[in-house]
Amino acid sequence: MKGYIGEFEELVLLTIASLGEDAYGVSIKENIENRSERSISIGALHSTITRLEEKGLIKSWLGEPTQERGGRRKRFFEVTHQGKVSLHHVKDLRDELWKLSRTALSLAK
């Protein structure tokens, strides 16, 4: 696989994919925090989003300004084809490792 993605990058990519057209900074942060039950800083999220965009794994665009946001525009995100390929490689690797270690990780005694 070209270009390794870390655990948090994987989490952000999957969250963007799951949010669909509602994937913007605050919604991504809240969704990750609710699902993972951990707090993340907006700075950590933005640096990860910037890195994923530089890797070509996501793309972004600005929405229309809204009164709700005082005339500011939201930046929306979408997983690119390369991002989807990277996620599938990570999933395949994890599935293979889980299969190989099934006996060692069994909780049955």
PDB file of N, CA and C in Angstrom:
ATOM      1  N   MET A   1       0.846  -1.187   0.000  1.00  0.00           N
ATOM      2  CA  MET A   1       0.000   0.000   0.000  1.00  0.00           C
ATOM      3  C   MET A   1       0.879   1.234   0.000  1.00  0.00           C
ATOM      4  N   LYS A   2       0.579   2.169  -0.855  1.00  0.00           N
ATOM      5  CA  LYS A   2       1.327   3.413  -0.919  1.00  0.00           C
ATOM      6  C   LYS A   2       0.760   4.380   0.116  1.00  0.00           C
ATOM      7  N   GLY A   3       1.598   4.818   1.023  1.00  0.00           N
ATOM      8  CA  GLY A   3       1.166   5.790   2.016  1.00  0.00           C
ATOM      9  C   GLY A   3       0.419   5.144   3.157  1.00  0.00           C
ATOM     10  N   TYR A   4       1.031   5.112   4.315  1.00  0.00           N
ATOM     11  CA  TYR A   4       0.427   4.537   5.512  1.00  0.00           C
ATOM     12  C   TYR A   4      -0.577   5.525   6.096  1.00  0.00           C
ATOM     13  N   ILE A   5      -1.716   5.037   6.589  1.00  0.00           N
ATOM     14  CA  ILE A   5      -2.627   5.901   7.328  1.00  0.00           C
ATOM     15  C   ILE A   5      -2.694   5.394   8.761  1.00  0.00           C
ATOM     16  N   GLY A   6      -2.615   6.329   9.683  1.00  0.00           N
ATOM     17  CA  GLY A   6      -2.633   5.991  11.100  1.00  0.00           C
ATOM     18  C   GLY A   6      -4.047   5.774  11.604  1.00  0.00           C
ATOM     19  N   GLU A   7      -4.135   5.359  12.868  1.00  0.00           N
ATOM     20  CA  GLU A   7      -5.426   5.042  13.478  1.00  0.00           C
ATOM     21  C   GLU A   7      -6.374   6.242  13.473  1.00  0.00           C
ATOM     22  N   PHE A   8      -5.863   7.425  13.841  1.00  0.00           N
ATOM     23  CA  PHE A   8      -6.741   8.596  13.877  1.00  0.00           C
ATOM     24  C   PHE A   8      -7.139   9.029  12.463  1.00  0.00           C
ATOM     25  N   GLU A   9      -6.213   8.905  11.512  1.00  0.00           N
ATOM     26  CA  GLU A   9      -6.551   9.218  10.123  1.00  0.00           C
ATOM     27  C   GLU A   9      -7.650   8.278   9.623  1.00  0.00           C
ATOM     28  N   GLU A  10      -7.544   7.006   9.966  1.00  0.00           N
ATOM     29  CA  GLU A  10      -8.565   6.030   9.579  1.00  0.00           C
ATOM     30  C   GLU A  10      -9.912   6.408  10.187  1.00  0.00           C
ATOM     31  N   LEU A  11      -9.892   6.791  11.451  1.00  0.00           N
ATOM     32  CA  LEU A  11     -11.119   7.191  12.147  1.00  0.00           C
ATOM     33  C   LEU A  11     -11.756   8.411  11.480  1.00  0.00           C
ATOM     34  N   VAL A  12     -10.940   9.390  11.106  1.00  0.00           N
ATOM     35  CA  VAL A  12     -11.468  10.595  10.447  1.00  0.00           C
ATOM     36  C   VAL A  12     -12.028  10.243   9.067  1.00  0.00           C
ATOM     37  N   LEU A  13     -11.308   9.429   8.305  1.00  0.00           N
ATOM     38  CA  LEU A  13     -11.794   9.030   6.978  1.00  0.00           C
ATOM     39  C   LEU A  13     -13.127   8.297   7.069  1.00  0.00           C
ATOM     40  N   LEU A  14     -13.222   7.352   8.000  1.00  0.00           N
ATOM     41  CA  LEU A  14     -14.464   6.594   8.144  1.00  0.00           C
ATOM     42  C   LEU A  14     -15.611   7.490   8.614  1.00  0.00           C
ATOM     43  N   THR A  15     -15.303   8.447   9.468  1.00  0.00           N
ATOM     44  CA  THR A  15     -16.336   9.368   9.941  1.00  0.00           C
ATOM     45  C   THR A  15     -16.820  10.256   8.805  1.00  0.00           C
ATOM     46  N   ILE A  16     -15.909  10.761   7.996  1.00  0.00           N
ATOM     47  CA  ILE A  16     -16.301  11.581   6.841  1.00  0.00           C
ATOM     48  C   ILE A  16     -17.202  10.750   5.917  1.00  0.00           C
ATOM     49  N   ALA A  17     -16.807   9.514   5.668  1.00  0.00           N
ATOM     50  CA  ALA A  17     -17.608   8.648   4.795  1.00  0.00           C
ATOM     51  C   ALA A  17     -18.993   8.402   5.389  1.00  0.00           C
ATOM     52  N   SER A  18     -19.053   8.198   6.694  1.00  0.00           N
ATOM     53  CA  SER A  18     -20.346   7.887   7.321  1.00  0.00           C
ATOM     54  C   SER A  18     -21.262   9.109   7.382  1.00  0.00           C
ATOM     55  N   LEU A  19     -20.686  10.315   7.445  1.00  0.00           N
ATOM     56  CA  LEU A  19     -21.505  11.531   7.514  1.00  0.00           C
ATOM     57  C   LEU A  19     -22.027  11.965   6.148  1.00  0.00           C
ATOM     58  N   GLY A  20     -21.413  11.510   5.092  1.00  0.00           N
ATOM     59  CA  GLY A  20     -21.875  11.875   3.747  1.00  0.00           C
ATOM     60  C   GLY A  20     -21.831  13.374   3.523  1.00  0.00           C
ATOM     61  N   GLU A  21     -22.952  13.956   3.109  1.00  0.00           N
ATOM     62  CA  GLU A  21     -23.005  15.382   2.775  1.00  0.00           C
ATOM     63  C   GLU A  21     -22.940  16.292   3.997  1.00  0.00           C
ATOM     64  N   ASP A  22     -23.007  15.730   5.189  1.00  0.00           N
ATOM     65  CA  ASP A  22     -22.936  16.520   6.426  1.00  0.00           C
ATOM     66  C   ASP A  22     -21.548  16.492   7.056  1.00  0.00           C
ATOM     67  N   ALA A  23     -20.520  16.151   6.285  1.00  0.00           N
ATOM     68  CA  ALA A  23     -19.167  16.046   6.839  1.00  0.00           C
ATOM     69  C   ALA A  23     -18.465  17.406   6.807  1.00  0.00           C
ATOM     70  N   TYR A  24     -18.478  18.109   7.930  1.00  0.00           N
ATOM     71  CA  TYR A  24     -17.723  19.346   8.109  1.00  0.00           C
ATOM     72  C   TYR A  24     -17.083  19.291   9.495  1.00  0.00           C
ATOM     73  N   GLY A  25     -16.185  20.220   9.786  1.00  0.00           N
ATOM     74  CA  GLY A  25     -15.351  20.156  10.981  1.00  0.00           C
ATOM     75  C   GLY A  25     -16.064  19.792  12.266  1.00  0.00           C
ATOM     76  N   VAL A  26     -17.069  20.575  12.642  1.00  0.00           N
ATOM     77  CA  VAL A  26     -17.746  20.342  13.928  1.00  0.00           C
ATOM     78  C   VAL A  26     -18.469  18.997  13.944  1.00  0.00           C
ATOM     79  N   SER A  27     -19.133  18.659  12.849  1.00  0.00           N
ATOM     80  CA  SER A  27     -19.870  17.381  12.828  1.00  0.00           C
ATOM     81  C   SER A  27     -18.908  16.195  12.901  1.00  0.00           C
ATOM     82  N   ILE A  28     -17.753  16.323  12.265  1.00  0.00           N
ATOM     83  CA  ILE A  28     -16.757  15.244  12.319  1.00  0.00           C
ATOM     84  C   ILE A  28     -16.247  15.092  13.751  1.00  0.00           C
ATOM     85  N   LYS A  29     -15.902  16.222  14.374  1.00  0.00           N
ATOM     86  CA  LYS A  29     -15.389  16.202  15.759  1.00  0.00           C
ATOM     87  C   LYS A  29     -16.414  15.595  16.708  1.00  0.00           C
ATOM     88  N   GLU A  30     -17.654  16.071  16.646  1.00  0.00           N
ATOM     89  CA  GLU A  30     -18.691  15.570  17.553  1.00  0.00           C
ATOM     90  C   GLU A  30     -18.958  14.083  17.332  1.00  0.00           C
ATOM     91  N   ASN A  31     -18.987  13.669  16.077  1.00  0.00           N
ATOM     92  CA  ASN A  31     -19.262  12.264  15.771  1.00  0.00           C
ATOM     93  C   ASN A  31     -18.164  11.358  16.318  1.00  0.00           C
ATOM     94  N   ILE A  32     -16.911  11.769  16.132  1.00  0.00           N
ATOM     95  CA  ILE A  32     -15.792  10.963  16.652  1.00  0.00           C
ATOM     96  C   ILE A  32     -15.851  10.911  18.174  1.00  0.00           C
ATOM     97  N   GLU A  33     -16.099  12.051  18.812  1.00  0.00           N
ATOM     98  CA  GLU A  33     -16.145  12.084  20.272  1.00  0.00           C
ATOM     99  C   GLU A  33     -17.274  11.216  20.812  1.00  0.00           C
ATOM    100  N   ASN A  34     -18.448  11.271  20.191  1.00  0.00           N
ATOM    101  CA  ASN A  34     -19.579  10.465  20.650  1.00  0.00           C
ATOM    102  C   ASN A  34     -19.339   8.973  20.461  1.00  0.00           C
ATOM    103  N   ARG A  35     -18.769   8.610  19.330  1.00  0.00           N
ATOM    104  CA  ARG A  35     -18.570   7.184  19.054  1.00  0.00           C
ATOM    105  C   ARG A  35     -17.399   6.591  19.835  1.00  0.00           C
ATOM    106  N   SER A  36     -16.333   7.364  19.984  1.00  0.00           N
ATOM    107  CA  SER A  36     -15.129   6.819  20.620  1.00  0.00           C
ATOM    108  C   SER A  36     -15.060   7.133  22.113  1.00  0.00           C
ATOM    109  N   GLU A  37     -15.984   7.991  22.574  1.00  0.00           N
ATOM    110  CA  GLU A  37     -16.001   8.397  23.975  1.00  0.00           C
ATOM    111  C   GLU A  37     -14.653   8.946  24.403  1.00  0.00           C
ATOM    112  N   ARG A  38     -14.075   9.767  23.536  1.00  0.00           N
ATOM    113  CA  ARG A  38     -12.835  10.457  23.871  1.00  0.00           C
ATOM    114  C   ARG A  38     -12.910  11.867  23.314  1.00  0.00           C
ATOM    115  N   SER A  39     -12.231  12.773  23.988  1.00  0.00           N
ATOM    116  CA  SER A  39     -12.225  14.163  23.568  1.00  0.00           C
ATOM    117  C   SER A  39     -11.085  14.396  22.584  1.00  0.00           C
ATOM    118  N   ILE A  40     -11.369  15.123  21.525  1.00  0.00           N
ATOM    119  CA  ILE A  40     -10.311  15.478  20.574  1.00  0.00           C
ATOM    120  C   ILE A  40     -10.318  16.986  20.408  1.00  0.00           C
ATOM    121  N   SER A  41      -9.159  17.548  20.172  1.00  0.00           N
ATOM    122  CA  SER A  41      -9.077  18.993  19.970  1.00  0.00           C
ATOM    123  C   SER A  41      -9.367  19.308  18.508  1.00  0.00           C
ATOM    124  N   ILE A  42      -9.932  20.486  18.288  1.00  0.00           N
ATOM    125  CA  ILE A  42     -10.213  20.895  16.914  1.00  0.00           C
ATOM    126  C   ILE A  42      -8.899  21.067  16.150  1.00  0.00           C
ATOM    127  N   GLY A  43      -7.824  21.445  16.867  1.00  0.00           N
ATOM    128  CA  GLY A  43      -6.512  21.580  16.225  1.00  0.00           C
ATOM    129  C   GLY A  43      -5.985  20.245  15.709  1.00  0.00           C
ATOM    130  N   ALA A  44      -6.137  19.195  16.512  1.00  0.00           N
ATOM    131  CA  ALA A  44      -5.694  17.860  16.091  1.00  0.00           C
ATOM    132  C   ALA A  44      -6.502  17.389  14.886  1.00  0.00           C
ATOM    133  N   LEU A  45      -7.806  17.698  14.918  1.00  0.00           N
ATOM    134  CA  LEU A  45      -8.648  17.308  13.787  1.00  0.00           C
ATOM    135  C   LEU A  45      -8.238  18.062  12.522  1.00  0.00           C
ATOM    136  N   HIS A  46      -8.017  19.368  12.647  1.00  0.00           N
ATOM    137  CA  HIS A  46      -7.660  20.153  11.459  1.00  0.00           C
ATOM    138  C   HIS A  46      -6.299  19.746  10.888  1.00  0.00           C
ATOM    139  N   SER A  47      -5.334  19.449  11.751  1.00  0.00           N
ATOM    140  CA  SER A  47      -4.030  19.026  11.215  1.00  0.00           C
ATOM    141  C   SER A  47      -4.155  17.681  10.508  1.00  0.00           C
ATOM    142  N   THR A  48      -5.003  16.798  11.034  1.00  0.00           N
ATOM    143  CA  THR A  48      -5.220  15.499  10.382  1.00  0.00           C
ATOM    144  C   THR A  48      -5.939  15.681   9.055  1.00  0.00           C
ATOM    145  N   ILE A  49      -6.946  16.546   9.034  1.00  0.00           N
ATOM    146  CA  ILE A  49      -7.682  16.815   7.796  1.00  0.00           C
ATOM    147  C   ILE A  49      -6.748  17.408   6.740  1.00  0.00           C
ATOM    148  N   THR A  50      -5.876  18.330   7.161  1.00  0.00           N
ATOM    149  CA  THR A  50      -4.914  18.923   6.218  1.00  0.00           C
ATOM    150  C   THR A  50      -3.996  17.847   5.642  1.00  0.00           C
ATOM    151  N   ARG A  51      -3.505  16.960   6.519  1.00  0.00           N
ATOM    152  CA  ARG A  51      -2.607  15.883   6.075  1.00  0.00           C
ATOM    153  C   ARG A  51      -3.337  14.929   5.117  1.00  0.00           C
ATOM    154  N   LEU A  52      -4.587  14.595   5.424  1.00  0.00           N
ATOM    155  CA  LEU A  52      -5.350  13.696   4.541  1.00  0.00           C
ATOM    156  C   LEU A  52      -5.609  14.348   3.188  1.00  0.00           C
ATOM    157  N   GLU A  53      -5.832  15.651   3.200  1.00  0.00           N
ATOM    158  CA  GLU A  53      -6.062  16.367   1.941  1.00  0.00           C
ATOM    159  C   GLU A  53      -4.771  16.421   1.130  1.00  0.00           C
ATOM    160  N   GLU A  54      -3.635  16.643   1.799  1.00  0.00           N
ATOM    161  CA  GLU A  54      -2.339  16.673   1.106  1.00  0.00           C
ATOM    162  C   GLU A  54      -1.999  15.311   0.512  1.00  0.00           C
ATOM    163  N   LYS A  55      -2.436  14.242   1.170  1.00  0.00           N
ATOM    164  CA  LYS A  55      -2.210  12.877   0.664  1.00  0.00           C
ATOM    165  C   LYS A  55      -3.174  12.523  -0.463  1.00  0.00           C
ATOM    166  N   GLY A  56      -4.166  13.375  -0.697  1.00  0.00           N
ATOM    167  CA  GLY A  56      -5.154  13.106  -1.745  1.00  0.00           C
ATOM    168  C   GLY A  56      -6.228  12.127  -1.312  1.00  0.00           C
ATOM    169  N   LEU A  57      -6.382  11.926   0.003  1.00  0.00           N
ATOM    170  CA  LEU A  57      -7.354  10.952   0.497  1.00  0.00           C
ATOM    171  C   LEU A  57      -8.728  11.567   0.740  1.00  0.00           C
ATOM    172  N   ILE A  58      -8.779  12.906   0.862  1.00  0.00           N
ATOM    173  CA  ILE A  58     -10.050  13.617   0.951  1.00  0.00           C
ATOM    174  C   ILE A  58      -9.971  14.862   0.090  1.00  0.00           C
ATOM    175  N   LYS A  59     -11.129  15.404  -0.249  1.00  0.00           N
ATOM    176  CA  LYS A  59     -11.178  16.705  -0.916  1.00  0.00           C
ATOM    177  C   LYS A  59     -12.200  17.554  -0.180  1.00  0.00           C
ATOM    178  N   SER A  60     -12.095  18.880  -0.338  1.00  0.00           N
ATOM    179  CA  SER A  60     -12.990  19.770   0.385  1.00  0.00           C
ATOM    180  C   SER A  60     -13.478  20.891  -0.513  1.00  0.00           C
ATOM    181  N   TRP A  61     -14.542  21.521  -0.073  1.00  0.00           N
ATOM    182  CA  TRP A  61     -15.089  22.674  -0.755  1.00  0.00           C
ATOM    183  C   TRP A  61     -15.864  23.502   0.253  1.00  0.00           C
ATOM    184  N   LEU A  62     -16.039  24.795  -0.073  1.00  0.00           N
ATOM    185  CA  LEU A  62     -16.770  25.688   0.816  1.00  0.00           C
ATOM    186  C   LEU A  62     -18.240  25.705   0.435  1.00  0.00           C
ATOM    187  N   GLY A  63     -19.113  25.614   1.461  1.00  0.00           N
ATOM    188  CA  GLY A  63     -20.544  25.722   1.245  1.00  0.00           C
ATOM    189  C   GLY A  63     -20.954  27.182   1.180  1.00  0.00           C
ATOM    190  N   GLU A  64     -22.215  27.400   1.079  1.00  0.00           N
ATOM    191  CA  GLU A  64     -22.754  28.763   1.031  1.00  0.00           C
ATOM    192  C   GLU A  64     -22.716  29.393   2.421  1.00  0.00           C
ATOM    193  N   PRO A  65     -22.539  30.717   2.493  1.00  0.00           N
ATOM    194  CA  PRO A  65     -22.596  31.383   3.794  1.00  0.00           C
ATOM    195  C   PRO A  65     -24.000  31.266   4.384  1.00  0.00           C
ATOM    196  N   THR A  66     -24.060  31.124   5.703  1.00  0.00           N
ATOM    197  CA  THR A  66     -25.368  31.014   6.361  1.00  0.00           C
ATOM    198  C   THR A  66     -25.480  32.053   7.468  1.00  0.00           C
ATOM    199  N   GLN A  67     -26.715  32.504   7.727  1.00  0.00           N
ATOM    200  CA  GLN A  67     -26.943  33.440   8.824  1.00  0.00           C
ATOM    201  C   GLN A  67     -26.652  32.781  10.160  1.00  0.00           C
ATOM    202  N   GLU A  68     -26.953  31.481  10.239  1.00  0.00           N
ATOM    203  CA  GLU A  68     -26.691  30.715  11.456  1.00  0.00           C
ATOM    204  C   GLU A  68     -25.230  30.852  11.879  1.00  0.00           C
ATOM    205  N   ARG A  69     -24.329  30.958  10.920  1.00  0.00           N
ATOM    206  CA  ARG A  69     -22.895  31.053  11.199  1.00  0.00           C
ATOM    207  C   ARG A  69     -22.378  32.483  11.012  1.00  0.00           C
ATOM    208  N   GLY A  70     -23.279  33.461  11.067  1.00  0.00           N
ATOM    209  CA  GLY A  70     -22.875  34.854  10.953  1.00  0.00           C
ATOM    210  C   GLY A  70     -22.295  35.194   9.585  1.00  0.00           C
ATOM    211  N   GLY A  71     -22.798  34.528   8.563  1.00  0.00           N
ATOM    212  CA  GLY A  71     -22.339  34.793   7.207  1.00  0.00           C
ATOM    213  C   GLY A  71     -21.093  34.019   6.806  1.00  0.00           C
ATOM    214  N   ARG A  72     -20.572  33.205   7.716  1.00  0.00           N
ATOM    215  CA  ARG A  72     -19.393  32.396   7.371  1.00  0.00           C
ATOM    216  C   ARG A  72     -19.826  31.130   6.642  1.00  0.00           C
ATOM    217  N   ARG A  73     -18.868  30.561   5.930  1.00  0.00           N
ATOM    218  CA  ARG A  73     -19.144  29.347   5.161  1.00  0.00           C
ATOM    219  C   ARG A  73     -18.501  28.134   5.824  1.00  0.00           C
ATOM    220  N   LYS A  74     -19.162  26.988   5.707  1.00  0.00           N
ATOM    221  CA  LYS A  74     -18.607  25.733   6.223  1.00  0.00           C
ATOM    222  C   LYS A  74     -17.741  25.103   5.148  1.00  0.00           C
ATOM    223  N   ARG A  75     -16.676  24.406   5.582  1.00  0.00           N
ATOM    224  CA  ARG A  75     -15.857  23.608   4.653  1.00  0.00           C
ATOM    225  C   ARG A  75     -16.324  22.155   4.783  1.00  0.00           C
ATOM    226  N   PHE A  76     -16.769  21.599   3.690  1.00  0.00           N
ATOM    227  CA  PHE A  76     -17.251  20.221   3.661  1.00  0.00           C
ATOM    228  C   PHE A  76     -16.168  19.294   3.110  1.00  0.00           C
ATOM    229  N   PHE A  77     -16.229  18.028   3.511  1.00  0.00           N
ATOM    230  CA  PHE A  77     -15.205  17.050   3.120  1.00  0.00           C
ATOM    231  C   PHE A  77     -15.834  15.797   2.529  1.00  0.00           C
ATOM    232  N   GLU A  78     -15.058  15.167   1.657  1.00  0.00           N
ATOM    233  CA  GLU A  78     -15.498  13.925   1.013  1.00  0.00           C
ATOM    234  C   GLU A  78     -14.280  13.025   0.817  1.00  0.00           C
ATOM    235  N   VAL A  79     -14.446  11.750   1.000  1.00  0.00           N
ATOM    236  CA  VAL A  79     -13.361  10.790   0.791  1.00  0.00           C
ATOM    237  C   VAL A  79     -13.185  10.587  -0.716  1.00  0.00           C
ATOM    238  N   THR A  80     -11.940  10.701  -1.197  1.00  0.00           N
ATOM    239  CA  THR A  80     -11.644  10.502  -2.617  1.00  0.00           C
ATOM    240  C   THR A  80     -11.550   9.001  -2.935  1.00  0.00           C
ATOM    241  N   HIS A  81     -11.430   8.685  -4.211  1.00  0.00           N
ATOM    242  CA  HIS A  81     -11.251   7.283  -4.598  1.00  0.00           C
ATOM    243  C   HIS A  81      -9.991   6.715  -3.940  1.00  0.00           C
ATOM    244  N   GLN A  82      -8.905   7.502  -3.938  1.00  0.00           N
ATOM    245  CA  GLN A  82      -7.662   7.036  -3.306  1.00  0.00           C
ATOM    246  C   GLN A  82      -7.868   6.814  -1.807  1.00  0.00           C
ATOM    247  N   GLY A  83      -8.685   7.651  -1.177  1.00  0.00           N
ATOM    248  CA  GLY A  83      -8.999   7.464   0.238  1.00  0.00           C
ATOM    249  C   GLY A  83      -9.750   6.164   0.473  1.00  0.00           C
ATOM    250  N   LYS A  84     -10.695   5.858  -0.418  1.00  0.00           N
ATOM    251  CA  LYS A  84     -11.445   4.603  -0.300  1.00  0.00           C
ATOM    252  C   LYS A  84     -10.514   3.406  -0.468  1.00  0.00           C
ATOM    253  N   VAL A  85      -9.592   3.498  -1.434  1.00  0.00           N
ATOM    254  CA  VAL A  85      -8.629   2.407  -1.660  1.00  0.00           C
ATOM    255  C   VAL A  85      -7.774   2.206  -0.410  1.00  0.00           C
ATOM    256  N   SER A  86      -7.302   3.295   0.184  1.00  0.00           N
ATOM    257  CA  SER A  86      -6.481   3.206   1.397  1.00  0.00           C
ATOM    258  C   SER A  86      -7.251   2.563   2.535  1.00  0.00           C
ATOM    259  N   LEU A  87      -8.508   2.944   2.704  1.00  0.00           N
ATOM    260  CA  LEU A  87      -9.325   2.349   3.769  1.00  0.00           C
ATOM    261  C   LEU A  87      -9.517   0.845   3.548  1.00  0.00           C
ATOM    262  N   HIS A  88      -9.745   0.442   2.315  1.00  0.00           N
ATOM    263  CA  HIS A  88      -9.915  -0.981   2.035  1.00  0.00           C
ATOM    264  C   HIS A  88      -8.627  -1.757   2.312  1.00  0.00           C
ATOM    265  N   HIS A  89      -7.457  -1.156   1.992  1.00  0.00           N
ATOM    266  CA  HIS A  89      -6.186  -1.824   2.295  1.00  0.00           C
ATOM    267  C   HIS A  89      -6.024  -2.018   3.803  1.00  0.00           C
ATOM    268  N   VAL A  90      -6.350  -0.984   4.571  1.00  0.00           N
ATOM    269  CA  VAL A  90      -6.229  -1.083   6.030  1.00  0.00           C
ATOM    270  C   VAL A  90      -7.187  -2.142   6.571  1.00  0.00           C
ATOM    271  N   LYS A  91      -8.416  -2.147   6.065  1.00  0.00           N
ATOM    272  CA  LYS A  91      -9.400  -3.140   6.521  1.00  0.00           C
ATOM    273  C   LYS A  91      -8.931  -4.556   6.192  1.00  0.00           C
ATOM    274  N   ASP A  92      -8.439  -4.769   4.962  1.00  0.00           N
ATOM    275  CA  ASP A  92      -7.950  -6.091   4.572  1.00  0.00           C
ATOM    276  C   ASP A  92      -6.806  -6.544   5.475  1.00  0.00           C
ATOM    277  N   LEU A  93      -5.887  -5.616   5.770  1.00  0.00           N
ATOM    278  CA  LEU A  93      -4.766  -5.949   6.653  1.00  0.00           C
ATOM    279  C   LEU A  93      -5.263  -6.327   8.038  1.00  0.00           C
ATOM    280  N   ARG A  94      -6.187  -5.539   8.585  1.00  0.00           N
ATOM    281  CA  ARG A  94      -6.724  -5.843   9.918  1.00  0.00           C
ATOM    282  C   ARG A  94      -7.477  -7.180   9.911  1.00  0.00           C
ATOM    283  N   ASP A  95      -8.291  -7.418   8.886  1.00  0.00           N
ATOM    284  CA  ASP A  95      -9.036  -8.685   8.802  1.00  0.00           C
ATOM    285  C   ASP A  95      -8.080  -9.874   8.770  1.00  0.00           C
ATOM    286  N   GLU A  96      -7.012  -9.756   7.986  1.00  0.00           N
ATOM    287  CA  GLU A  96      -6.035 -10.839   7.881  1.00  0.00           C
ATOM    288  C   GLU A  96      -5.372 -11.090   9.236  1.00  0.00           C
ATOM    289  N   LEU A  97      -4.973 -10.030   9.915  1.00  0.00           N
ATOM    290  CA  LEU A  97      -4.331 -10.183  11.217  1.00  0.00           C
ATOM    291  C   LEU A  97      -5.289 -10.745  12.268  1.00  0.00           C
ATOM    292  N   TRP A  98      -6.559 -10.337  12.242  1.00  0.00           N
ATOM    293  CA  TRP A  98      -7.546 -10.882  13.176  1.00  0.00           C
ATOM    294  C   TRP A  98      -7.737 -12.373  12.919  1.00  0.00           C
ATOM    295  N   LYS A  99      -7.787 -12.751  11.630  1.00  0.00           N
ATOM    296  CA  LYS A  99      -7.979 -14.158  11.280  1.00  0.00           C
ATOM    297  C   LYS A  99      -6.786 -14.992  11.761  1.00  0.00           C
ATOM    298  N   LEU A 100      -5.573 -14.470  11.535  1.00  0.00           N
ATOM    299  CA  LEU A 100      -4.369 -15.203  11.928  1.00  0.00           C
ATOM    300  C   LEU A 100      -4.207 -15.309  13.445  1.00  0.00           C
ATOM    301  N   SER A 101      -4.729 -14.343  14.169  1.00  0.00           N
ATOM    302  CA  SER A 101      -4.532 -14.343  15.621  1.00  0.00           C
ATOM    303  C   SER A 101      -5.781 -14.765  16.387  1.00  0.00           C
ATOM    304  N   ARG A 102      -6.765 -15.314  15.682  1.00  0.00           N
ATOM    305  CA  ARG A 102      -8.051 -15.673  16.285  1.00  0.00           C
ATOM    306  C   ARG A 102      -7.878 -16.556  17.522  1.00  0.00           C
ATOM    307  N   THR A 103      -7.067 -17.587  17.421  1.00  0.00           N
ATOM    308  CA  THR A 103      -6.880 -18.504  18.551  1.00  0.00           C
ATOM    309  C   THR A 103      -6.223 -17.797  19.734  1.00  0.00           C
ATOM    310  N   ALA A 104      -5.211 -17.024  19.461  1.00  0.00           N
ATOM    311  CA  ALA A 104      -4.487 -16.333  20.539  1.00  0.00           C
ATOM    312  C   ALA A 104      -5.349 -15.291  21.224  1.00  0.00           C
ATOM    313  N   LEU A 105      -6.312 -14.733  20.503  1.00  0.00           N
ATOM    314  CA  LEU A 105      -7.151 -13.672  21.062  1.00  0.00           C
ATOM    315  C   LEU A 105      -8.496 -14.176  21.567  1.00  0.00           C
ATOM    316  N   SER A 106      -8.723 -15.480  21.527  1.00  0.00           N
ATOM    317  CA  SER A 106      -9.990 -16.038  21.988  1.00  0.00           C
ATOM    318  C   SER A 106     -10.226 -15.693  23.458  1.00  0.00           C
ATOM    319  N   LEU A 107     -11.450 -15.279  23.766  1.00  0.00           N
ATOM    320  CA  LEU A 107     -11.806 -14.943  25.141  1.00  0.00           C
ATOM    321  C   LEU A 107     -12.395 -16.146  25.872  1.00  0.00           C
ATOM    322  N   ALA A 108     -12.695 -17.223  25.110  1.00  0.00           N
ATOM    323  CA  ALA A 108     -13.266 -18.432  25.730  1.00  0.00           C
ATOM    324  C   ALA A 108     -12.173 -19.196  26.459  1.00  0.00           C
ATOM    325  N   LYS A 109     -12.470 -19.651  27.650  1.00  0.00           N
ATOM    326  CA  LYS A 109     -11.513 -20.442  28.451  1.00  0.00           C
ATOM    327  C   LYS A 109     -12.149 -21.740  28.849  1.00  0.00           C
TER     328      LYS A 109
END
